[in-house]
Protein backbone atom coordinates (compact mmCIF):
# COMPACT_ATOMS: atom_id res chain seq x y z
CA UNK A 1 -68.94 60.88 -59.78
CA UNK A 2 -70.34 64.42 -60.12
CA UNK A 3 -73.00 65.54 -57.64
CA UNK A 4 -76.18 66.94 -59.18
CA UNK A 5 -78.76 69.00 -57.34
CA UNK A 6 -81.95 70.92 -58.01
CA UNK A 7 -83.45 73.89 -56.24
CA UNK A 8 -86.89 75.49 -56.62
CA UNK A 9 -87.53 78.89 -55.04
CA UNK A 10 -90.49 81.27 -55.07
CA UNK A 11 -90.12 85.04 -54.86
CA UNK A 12 -92.64 87.87 -54.57
CA UNK A 13 -90.41 89.87 -56.97
CA UNK A 14 -91.01 89.72 -60.74
CA UNK A 15 -88.44 88.22 -63.10
CA UNK A 16 -87.95 91.64 -64.70
CA UNK A 17 -87.03 93.25 -61.39
CA UNK A 18 -84.68 90.37 -60.49
CA UNK A 19 -82.93 90.67 -63.86
CA UNK A 20 -82.67 94.45 -63.41
CA UNK A 21 -80.97 93.87 -60.04
CA UNK A 22 -78.52 91.41 -61.62
CA UNK A 23 -77.50 94.18 -64.03
CA UNK A 24 -76.64 96.61 -61.23
CA UNK A 25 -73.11 96.75 -59.78
CA UNK A 26 -74.50 97.96 -56.42
CA UNK A 27 -76.57 94.77 -56.12
CA UNK A 28 -73.48 92.56 -56.43
CA UNK A 29 -71.46 94.73 -54.04
CA UNK A 30 -74.23 94.64 -51.43
CA UNK A 31 -74.78 90.90 -51.90
CA UNK A 32 -71.12 90.03 -51.39
CA UNK A 33 -70.89 92.37 -48.41
CA UNK A 34 -74.03 90.88 -46.84
CA UNK A 35 -72.77 87.31 -47.17
CA UNK A 36 -69.27 88.22 -46.01
CA UNK A 37 -67.54 86.71 -49.01
CA UNK A 38 -64.24 87.87 -50.40
CA UNK A 39 -65.73 88.24 -53.86
CA UNK A 40 -65.22 90.90 -56.49
CA UNK A 41 -66.95 91.64 -59.77
CA UNK A 42 -64.43 91.07 -62.55
CA UNK A 43 -66.84 91.98 -65.35
CA UNK A 44 -70.47 93.14 -65.59
CA UNK A 45 -72.06 93.69 -68.98
CA UNK A 46 -75.69 94.60 -69.63
CA UNK A 47 -76.60 94.25 -73.31
CA UNK A 48 -79.28 96.22 -75.19
CA UNK A 49 -81.32 93.01 -75.34
CA UNK A 50 -81.47 92.88 -71.52
CA UNK A 51 -78.94 90.04 -71.32
CA UNK A 52 -76.68 90.27 -68.26
CA UNK A 53 -73.17 88.76 -68.19
CA UNK A 54 -71.32 88.75 -64.88
CA UNK A 55 -67.95 87.31 -63.94
CA UNK A 56 -67.01 87.18 -60.27
CA UNK A 57 -63.93 85.91 -58.46
CA UNK A 58 -64.13 84.68 -54.88
CA UNK A 59 -60.98 84.39 -52.76
CA UNK A 60 -61.17 81.34 -50.49
CA UNK A 61 -58.44 81.54 -47.86
CA UNK A 62 -57.22 78.23 -46.57
CA UNK A 63 -57.98 79.21 -42.97
CA UNK A 64 -61.66 79.66 -43.87
CA UNK A 65 -62.13 76.36 -45.72
CA UNK A 66 -63.89 73.35 -44.19
CA UNK A 67 -61.46 70.75 -42.83
CA UNK A 68 -62.42 68.28 -45.56
CA UNK A 69 -61.05 70.70 -48.17
CA UNK A 70 -57.92 71.70 -46.24
CA UNK A 71 -56.89 68.05 -46.06
CA UNK A 72 -56.82 67.91 -49.85
CA UNK A 73 -55.83 71.45 -50.87
CA UNK A 74 -52.81 72.99 -49.18
CA UNK A 75 -53.15 76.57 -50.41
CA UNK A 76 -55.69 79.28 -50.96
CA UNK A 77 -58.28 78.79 -53.70
CA UNK A 78 -60.20 81.09 -55.99
CA UNK A 79 -63.60 80.43 -57.48
CA UNK A 80 -64.39 82.12 -60.78
CA UNK A 81 -68.10 82.19 -61.61
CA UNK A 82 -69.45 83.25 -64.99
CA UNK A 83 -73.20 83.90 -65.13
CA UNK A 84 -75.33 84.72 -68.16
CA UNK A 85 -78.97 85.77 -67.72
CA UNK A 86 -81.14 86.18 -70.81
CA UNK A 87 -84.75 87.45 -71.02
CA UNK A 88 -86.74 85.13 -73.29
CA UNK A 89 -90.04 86.98 -73.56
CA UNK A 90 -93.28 86.71 -71.58
CA UNK A 91 -91.25 87.33 -68.41
CA UNK A 92 -89.20 84.14 -68.77
CA UNK A 93 -85.47 84.41 -68.02
CA UNK A 94 -82.85 81.70 -68.47
CA UNK A 95 -79.49 81.57 -66.79
CA UNK A 96 -76.27 79.62 -67.24
CA UNK A 97 -73.58 79.42 -64.59
CA UNK A 98 -70.06 78.09 -65.03
CA UNK A 99 -67.88 77.66 -61.94
CA UNK A 100 -64.12 77.13 -62.16
CA UNK A 101 -61.96 76.46 -59.12
CA UNK A 102 -58.50 77.97 -59.49
CA UNK A 103 -55.93 76.07 -57.45
CA UNK A 104 -57.84 72.80 -57.33
CA UNK A 105 -59.39 70.34 -59.78
CA UNK A 106 -62.97 71.40 -59.08
CA UNK A 107 -65.68 72.76 -61.34
CA UNK A 108 -69.40 73.07 -61.60
CA UNK A 109 -72.25 74.94 -63.07
CA UNK A 110 -75.87 74.80 -63.89
CA UNK A 111 -78.92 76.07 -65.69
CA UNK A 112 -81.61 78.29 -64.26
CA UNK A 113 -85.06 79.28 -65.38
CA UNK A 114 -87.09 82.10 -63.86
CA UNK A 115 -90.75 82.25 -64.77
CA UNK A 116 -93.54 84.59 -63.74
CA UNK A 117 -95.69 83.30 -60.90
CA UNK A 118 -98.55 85.67 -60.14
CA UNK A 119 -96.96 89.04 -59.36
CA UNK A 120 -93.74 87.26 -58.37
CA UNK A 121 -91.48 84.64 -59.85
CA UNK A 122 -90.34 81.04 -59.61
CA UNK A 123 -86.71 79.97 -60.00
CA UNK A 124 -85.66 76.44 -60.91
CA UNK A 125 -81.94 75.69 -60.82
CA UNK A 126 -80.27 72.43 -61.88
CA UNK A 127 -76.61 72.19 -61.01
CA UNK A 128 -73.63 69.89 -60.95
CA UNK A 129 -70.44 69.87 -58.88
CA UNK A 130 -67.27 68.01 -59.90
CA UNK A 131 -64.20 67.32 -57.76
CA UNK A 132 -62.25 64.54 -59.48
CA UNK A 133 -60.12 63.65 -56.47
CA UNK A 134 -59.63 60.00 -55.48
CA UNK A 135 -61.18 58.84 -52.19
CA UNK A 136 -62.62 62.19 -50.98
CA UNK A 137 -63.94 63.73 -54.21
CA UNK A 138 -67.45 62.37 -53.70
CA UNK A 139 -67.62 63.75 -50.16
CA UNK A 140 -66.43 67.16 -51.37
CA UNK A 141 -68.99 67.12 -54.20
CA UNK A 142 -71.79 66.27 -51.75
CA UNK A 143 -70.69 69.01 -49.34
CA UNK A 144 -70.45 71.70 -52.03
CA UNK A 145 -73.74 70.60 -53.64
CA UNK A 146 -75.47 70.85 -50.26
CA UNK A 147 -73.98 74.33 -49.73
CA UNK A 148 -75.32 75.47 -53.11
CA UNK A 149 -78.75 73.99 -52.35
CA UNK A 150 -78.91 75.95 -49.09
CA UNK A 151 -77.35 79.13 -50.42
CA UNK A 152 -79.58 79.66 -53.48
CA UNK A 153 -82.75 80.29 -51.40
CA UNK A 154 -80.72 82.65 -49.18
CA UNK A 155 -79.61 84.58 -52.27
CA UNK A 156 -83.21 84.74 -53.48
CA UNK A 157 -84.28 86.16 -50.09
CA UNK A 158 -81.47 88.72 -50.26
CA UNK A 159 -82.49 89.67 -53.80
CA UNK A 160 -86.11 90.15 -52.72
CA UNK A 161 -85.06 92.41 -49.84
CA UNK A 162 -82.57 94.31 -52.03
CA UNK A 163 -85.12 94.99 -54.78
CA UNK A 164 -87.69 96.17 -52.25
CA UNK A 165 -85.14 98.51 -50.66
CA UNK A 166 -83.83 99.89 -53.95
CA UNK A 167 -87.09 99.94 -55.88
């Protein structure tokens, strides 16, 4: 059964400035370097409307995977993430994420909404993780869902610091 999760995060940075960061290649490079992930930007498109489309691919080496995953998956994995961020007016921004695991039967995704909150912003993210593997799939879904729930506030903190440093 898929694992769902929700995350709410406040930021002192406006939705406009967050969206501007998402449309900057340097932001993604710095973010991946900061978190030590083997992730590359496959595609980054900023449309005239302000919409940002980003496709990233993360290389997950077997030796860096949690033991629960190495028991099920014998090789290296890749995670392809497609994100779309769209300004909706009045400072509102919506986001859609689609996650595909290459080399394993896993997937996920979610919907995000950023809204103005004073001079800052509020992010609400609703996600789902699916690993349709008998016996251990539910444990993997719970583990990955928990990782996402913890990682999203860390990304928001990074984004706040990055925007402040890069104006």
